[in-house]
Amino acid sequence: MSGALWDDPIAPPAAPDLIVEADGGSRGNPGIAAGGAVVLDAVSGDVLVELGVYVGIGSNNVAEYRGMIEGLRAAFEREPASVRVRLDSKLVVEQMTGRWKIKHPDMQALAREARELLAGRRVSFEWIPRAQNARADAAANESMDRRESFRRDLAA
C-alpha cells in the first residue's frame, strides 16, 4: 500500500532519489519511547544516515511520527528530487496520505509538523511488513536503550 503527496499522484516519479525507513516503539505504551530512521540511497541501497530520536515517556504512535519526521529532515538535507517513506505503521501511512482521519490532538500536531516539512516536496508513503523495517527498528531500540537521541552519518 502506498500513497503520494506530490502534485500528480497518478504519475509518480519512476524511482525516488532517497528512501527513509522509519519506525518507533514504546516500552509500556505509554512508556520509554523512541523513533528510529535510516536514510538510504534508492539506487545503491547504501545507508547514508542512521538516527534515533529519544521521546522520553510516550506512545508508540508518537515515536513513529518522531522517527519519520527526523528521518525526513535528514533526507532533505541532501536536497533530493523525491523521497519514499517506508513504515510498518499502517496508522501513520494512512494518516499521512489523508485516507484516515487524525482524532487525537497530539497526533494532529505531529501530522501538521510533518505536512509542513513536506510542503512543496515530492514524497510518497509505503507500508511495509515489520520484518522489512529491521534497520529503523534497531535504531529506535538503540535510542530507547541509551535514553538519548543519536545520529550517524555513514556515507556521502
C-alpha atoms as a PDB file:
ATOM      1  CA  MET A   1       0.000   0.000   0.000  1.00  0.00           C
ATOM      2  CA  SER A   2       1.419   3.385  -0.877  1.00  0.00           C
ATOM      3  CA  GLY A   3       0.212   6.931  -1.123  1.00  0.00           C
ATOM      4  CA  ALA A   4       1.593  10.138  -2.500  1.00  0.00           C
ATOM      5  CA  LEU A   5       1.835  13.754  -1.532  1.00  0.00           C
ATOM      6  CA  TRP A   6       3.114  15.090  -4.834  1.00  0.00           C
ATOM      7  CA  ASP A   7       1.281  17.207  -7.366  1.00  0.00           C
ATOM      8  CA  ASP A   8       0.264  14.363  -9.677  1.00  0.00           C
ATOM      9  CA  PRO A   9      -0.310  11.116  -7.741  1.00  0.00           C
ATOM     10  CA  ILE A  10      -1.360   9.377 -10.953  1.00  0.00           C
ATOM     11  CA  ALA A  11       2.095   9.814 -12.449  1.00  0.00           C
ATOM     12  CA  PRO A  12       4.582   9.477  -9.567  1.00  0.00           C
ATOM     13  CA  PRO A  13       8.304   9.611 -10.244  1.00  0.00           C
ATOM     14  CA  ALA A  14       9.719   6.339 -11.550  1.00  0.00           C
ATOM     15  CA  ALA A  15      12.045   5.952  -8.580  1.00  0.00           C
ATOM     16  CA  PRO A  16      12.840   8.122  -5.590  1.00  0.00           C
ATOM     17  CA  ASP A  17      16.310   9.549  -5.003  1.00  0.00           C
ATOM     18  CA  LEU A  18      16.230   8.599  -1.325  1.00  0.00           C
ATOM     19  CA  ILE A  19      14.310   6.210   0.890  1.00  0.00           C
ATOM     20  CA  VAL A  20      13.532   6.873   4.530  1.00  0.00           C
ATOM     21  CA  GLU A  21      12.704   3.808   6.597  1.00  0.00           C
ATOM     22  CA  ALA A  22      11.187   4.890   9.901  1.00  0.00           C
ATOM     23  CA  ASP A  23       9.884   3.154  12.999  1.00  0.00           C
ATOM     24  CA  GLY A  24       9.022   3.864  16.590  1.00  0.00           C
ATOM     25  CA  GLY A  25       8.453   1.956  19.760  1.00  0.00           C
ATOM     26  CA  SER A  26       7.390   2.331  23.341  1.00  0.00           C
ATOM     27  CA  ARG A  27       8.147   0.030  26.229  1.00  0.00           C
ATOM     28  CA  GLY A  28       4.854   0.153  28.071  1.00  0.00           C
ATOM     29  CA  ASN A  29       2.790   2.271  25.652  1.00  0.00           C
ATOM     30  CA  PRO A  30       2.958   4.786  27.102  1.00  0.00           C
ATOM     31  CA  GLY A  31       6.441   4.138  28.341  1.00  0.00           C
ATOM     32  CA  ILE A  32      10.059   4.792  27.389  1.00  0.00           C
ATOM     33  CA  ALA A  33       9.719   5.683  23.708  1.00  0.00           C
ATOM     34  CA  ALA A  34      11.915   6.494  20.731  1.00  0.00           C
ATOM     35  CA  GLY A  35      11.739   6.717  16.989  1.00  0.00           C
ATOM     36  CA  GLY A  36      14.340   5.493  14.568  1.00  0.00           C
ATOM     37  CA  ALA A  37      15.104   6.087  10.923  1.00  0.00           C
ATOM     38  CA  VAL A  38      17.593   5.244   8.233  1.00  0.00           C
ATOM     39  CA  VAL A  39      18.114   7.230   5.055  1.00  0.00           C
ATOM     40  CA  LEU A  40      19.065   5.098   2.070  1.00  0.00           C
ATOM     41  CA  ASP A  41      20.335   5.850  -1.415  1.00  0.00           C
ATOM     42  CA  ALA A  42      17.488   4.475  -3.536  1.00  0.00           C
ATOM     43  CA  VAL A  43      19.802   3.233  -6.292  1.00  0.00           C
ATOM     44  CA  SER A  44      22.669   1.638  -4.362  1.00  0.00           C
ATOM     45  CA  GLY A  45      20.782   0.790  -1.178  1.00  0.00           C
ATOM     46  CA  ASP A  46      23.623   2.285   0.851  1.00  0.00           C
ATOM     47  CA  VAL A  47      22.692   3.548   4.308  1.00  0.00           C
ATOM     48  CA  LEU A  48      23.536   7.252   4.391  1.00  0.00           C
ATOM     49  CA  VAL A  49      22.223   8.160   7.842  1.00  0.00           C
ATOM     50  CA  GLU A  50      21.053   6.250  10.921  1.00  0.00           C
ATOM     51  CA  LEU A  51      19.308   8.118  13.690  1.00  0.00           C
ATOM     52  CA  GLY A  52      17.396   7.582  16.899  1.00  0.00           C
ATOM     53  CA  VAL A  53      15.015  10.108  18.411  1.00  0.00           C
ATOM     54  CA  TYR A  54      14.513   9.741  22.144  1.00  0.00           C
ATOM     55  CA  VAL A  55      10.970  10.758  23.103  1.00  0.00           C
ATOM     56  CA  GLY A  56      11.032  10.019  26.836  1.00  0.00           C
ATOM     57  CA  ILE A  57       7.682   8.758  28.074  1.00  0.00           C
ATOM     58  CA  GLY A  58       5.283   8.469  25.154  1.00  0.00           C
ATOM     59  CA  SER A  59       3.244   6.227  22.933  1.00  0.00           C
ATOM     60  CA  ASN A  60       4.481   4.101  20.066  1.00  0.00           C
ATOM     61  CA  ASN A  61       2.495   6.272  17.635  1.00  0.00           C
ATOM     62  CA  VAL A  62       4.219   9.463  18.808  1.00  0.00           C
ATOM     63  CA  ALA A  63       7.557   7.658  18.450  1.00  0.00           C
ATOM     64  CA  GLU A  64       6.644   6.525  14.901  1.00  0.00           C
ATOM     65  CA  TYR A  65       5.934  10.105  13.871  1.00  0.00           C
ATOM     66  CA  ARG A  66       9.123  11.400  15.529  1.00  0.00           C
ATOM     67  CA  GLY A  67      11.246   8.818  13.697  1.00  0.00           C
ATOM     68  CA  MET A  68       9.596   9.676  10.376  1.00  0.00           C
ATOM     69  CA  ILE A  69       9.933  13.449  10.840  1.00  0.00           C
ATOM     70  CA  GLU A  70      13.600  13.327  11.811  1.00  0.00           C
ATOM     71  CA  GLY A  71      14.353  10.838   9.040  1.00  0.00           C
ATOM     72  CA  LEU A  72      12.770  13.231   6.537  1.00  0.00           C
ATOM     73  CA  ARG A  73      14.767  16.167   7.919  1.00  0.00           C
ATOM     74  CA  ALA A  74      17.977  14.178   7.433  1.00  0.00           C
ATOM     75  CA  ALA A  75      16.952  13.194   3.895  1.00  0.00           C
ATOM     76  CA  PHE A  76      16.005  16.748   2.916  1.00  0.00           C
ATOM     77  CA  GLU A  77      19.479  17.981   3.934  1.00  0.00           C
ATOM     78  CA  ARG A  78      20.666  16.186   0.768  1.00  0.00           C
ATOM     79  CA  GLU A  79      18.135  18.050  -1.416  1.00  0.00           C
ATOM     80  CA  PRO A  80      16.640  15.009  -3.171  1.00  0.00           C
ATOM     81  CA  ALA A  81      14.187  15.386  -6.037  1.00  0.00           C
ATOM     82  CA  SER A  82      11.927  12.830  -4.341  1.00  0.00           C
ATOM     83  CA  VAL A  83      11.735  10.641  -1.252  1.00  0.00           C
ATOM     84  CA  ARG A  84       9.846   7.452  -0.476  1.00  0.00           C
ATOM     85  CA  VAL A  85       8.983   6.910   3.185  1.00  0.00           C
ATOM     86  CA  ARG A  86       8.590   3.289   4.240  1.00  0.00           C
ATOM     87  CA  LEU A  87       6.921   2.487   7.570  1.00  0.00           C
ATOM     88  CA  ASP A  88       5.477  -0.585   9.231  1.00  0.00           C
ATOM     89  CA  SER A  89       2.838   1.615  10.878  1.00  0.00           C
ATOM     90  CA  LYS A  90      -0.318   1.422   8.815  1.00  0.00           C
ATOM     91  CA  LEU A  91      -1.745   4.169  11.028  1.00  0.00           C
ATOM     92  CA  VAL A  92       0.948   6.699  10.105  1.00  0.00           C
ATOM     93  CA  VAL A  93       0.901   5.781   6.398  1.00  0.00           C
ATOM     94  CA  GLU A  94      -2.888   6.104   6.195  1.00  0.00           C
ATOM     95  CA  GLN A  95      -2.905   9.361   8.175  1.00  0.00           C
ATOM     96  CA  MET A  96      -0.105  10.941   6.130  1.00  0.00           C
ATOM     97  CA  THR A  97      -1.810  10.053   2.856  1.00  0.00           C
ATOM     98  CA  GLY A  98      -5.095  11.504   4.107  1.00  0.00           C
ATOM     99  CA  ARG A  99      -7.042   8.257   3.960  1.00  0.00           C
ATOM    100  CA  TRP A 100      -7.595   8.123   7.729  1.00  0.00           C
ATOM    101  CA  LYS A 101      -8.678  10.938   9.996  1.00  0.00           C
ATOM    102  CA  ILE A 102      -6.483  12.000  12.882  1.00  0.00           C
ATOM    103  CA  LYS A 103      -8.551  12.365  16.025  1.00  0.00           C
ATOM    104  CA  HIS A 104      -6.013  12.635  18.853  1.00  0.00           C
ATOM    105  CA  PRO A 105      -4.714  16.207  19.377  1.00  0.00           C
ATOM    106  CA  ASP A 106      -1.086  15.086  19.924  1.00  0.00           C
ATOM    107  CA  MET A 107      -1.179  13.119  16.688  1.00  0.00           C
ATOM    108  CA  GLN A 108      -2.782  16.055  14.848  1.00  0.00           C
ATOM    109  CA  ALA A 109       0.110  18.281  15.944  1.00  0.00           C
ATOM    110  CA  LEU A 110       2.706  15.746  14.752  1.00  0.00           C
ATOM    111  CA  ALA A 111       0.950  15.240  11.416  1.00  0.00           C
ATOM    112  CA  ARG A 112       0.768  19.013  10.956  1.00  0.00           C
ATOM    113  CA  GLU A 113       4.509  19.286  11.671  1.00  0.00           C
ATOM    114  CA  ALA A 114       5.202  16.524   9.142  1.00  0.00           C
ATOM    115  CA  ARG A 115       2.986  18.100   6.469  1.00  0.00           C
ATOM    116  CA  GLU A 116       4.698  21.475   6.928  1.00  0.00           C
ATOM    117  CA  LEU A 117       8.046  19.746   6.450  1.00  0.00           C
ATOM    118  CA  LEU A 118       6.744  18.051   3.278  1.00  0.00           C
ATOM    119  CA  ALA A 119       5.244  21.184   1.727  1.00  0.00           C
ATOM    120  CA  GLY A 120       6.363  21.562  -1.879  1.00  0.00           C
ATOM    121  CA  ARG A 121       8.378  18.338  -1.879  1.00  0.00           C
ATOM    122  CA  ARG A 122       7.858  15.080  -3.751  1.00  0.00           C
ATOM    123  CA  VAL A 123       7.256  12.434  -1.093  1.00  0.00           C
ATOM    124  CA  SER A 124       5.437   9.112  -1.216  1.00  0.00           C
ATOM    125  CA  PHE A 125       4.490   6.746   1.606  1.00  0.00           C
ATOM    126  CA  GLU A 126       4.569   2.976   1.602  1.00  0.00           C
ATOM    127  CA  TRP A 127       3.522   0.444   4.223  1.00  0.00           C
ATOM    128  CA  ILE A 128       5.998  -2.397   4.652  1.00  0.00           C
ATOM    129  CA  PRO A 129       5.876  -5.511   6.846  1.00  0.00           C
ATOM    130  CA  ARG A 130       7.690  -5.220  10.174  1.00  0.00           C
ATOM    131  CA  ALA A 131      10.317  -7.752   9.078  1.00  0.00           C
ATOM    132  CA  GLN A 132      11.385  -5.371   6.282  1.00  0.00           C
ATOM    133  CA  ASN A 133      11.884  -2.496   8.735  1.00  0.00           C
ATOM    134  CA  ALA A 134      14.600  -4.001  10.934  1.00  0.00           C
ATOM    135  CA  ARG A 135      17.153  -1.196  10.484  1.00  0.00           C
ATOM    136  CA  ALA A 136      14.778   1.548  11.648  1.00  0.00           C
ATOM    137  CA  ASP A 137      13.521  -0.699  14.472  1.00  0.00           C
ATOM    138  CA  ALA A 138      17.109  -1.256  15.631  1.00  0.00           C
ATOM    139  CA  ALA A 139      17.744   2.496  15.637  1.00  0.00           C
ATOM    140  CA  ALA A 140      14.611   3.123  17.730  1.00  0.00           C
ATOM    141  CA  ASN A 141      15.628   0.390  20.180  1.00  0.00           C
ATOM    142  CA  GLU A 142      19.172   1.738  20.448  1.00  0.00           C
ATOM    143  CA  SER A 143      17.773   5.165  21.324  1.00  0.00           C
ATOM    144  CA  MET A 144      15.444   3.640  23.936  1.00  0.00           C
ATOM    145  CA  ASP A 145      18.340   1.636  25.420  1.00  0.00           C
ATOM    146  CA  ARG A 146      20.623   4.690  25.551  1.00  0.00           C
ATOM    147  CA  ARG A 147      17.785   7.021  26.578  1.00  0.00           C
ATOM    148  CA  GLU A 148      19.140   9.636  24.234  1.00  0.00           C
ATOM    149  CA  SER A 149      18.936  10.679  20.614  1.00  0.00           C
ATOM    150  CA  PHE A 150      21.784   9.981  18.210  1.00  0.00           C
ATOM    151  CA  ARG A 151      22.737  10.416  14.586  1.00  0.00           C
ATOM    152  CA  ARG A 152      25.355   8.674  12.478  1.00  0.00           C
ATOM    153  CA  ASP A 153      26.236   9.983   9.019  1.00  0.00           C
ATOM    154  CA  LEU A 154      27.651   6.949   7.230  1.00  0.00           C
ATOM    155  CA  ALA A 155      28.123   7.828   3.560  1.00  0.00           C
ATOM    156  CA  ALA A 156      28.397  10.896   1.355  1.00  0.00           C
END
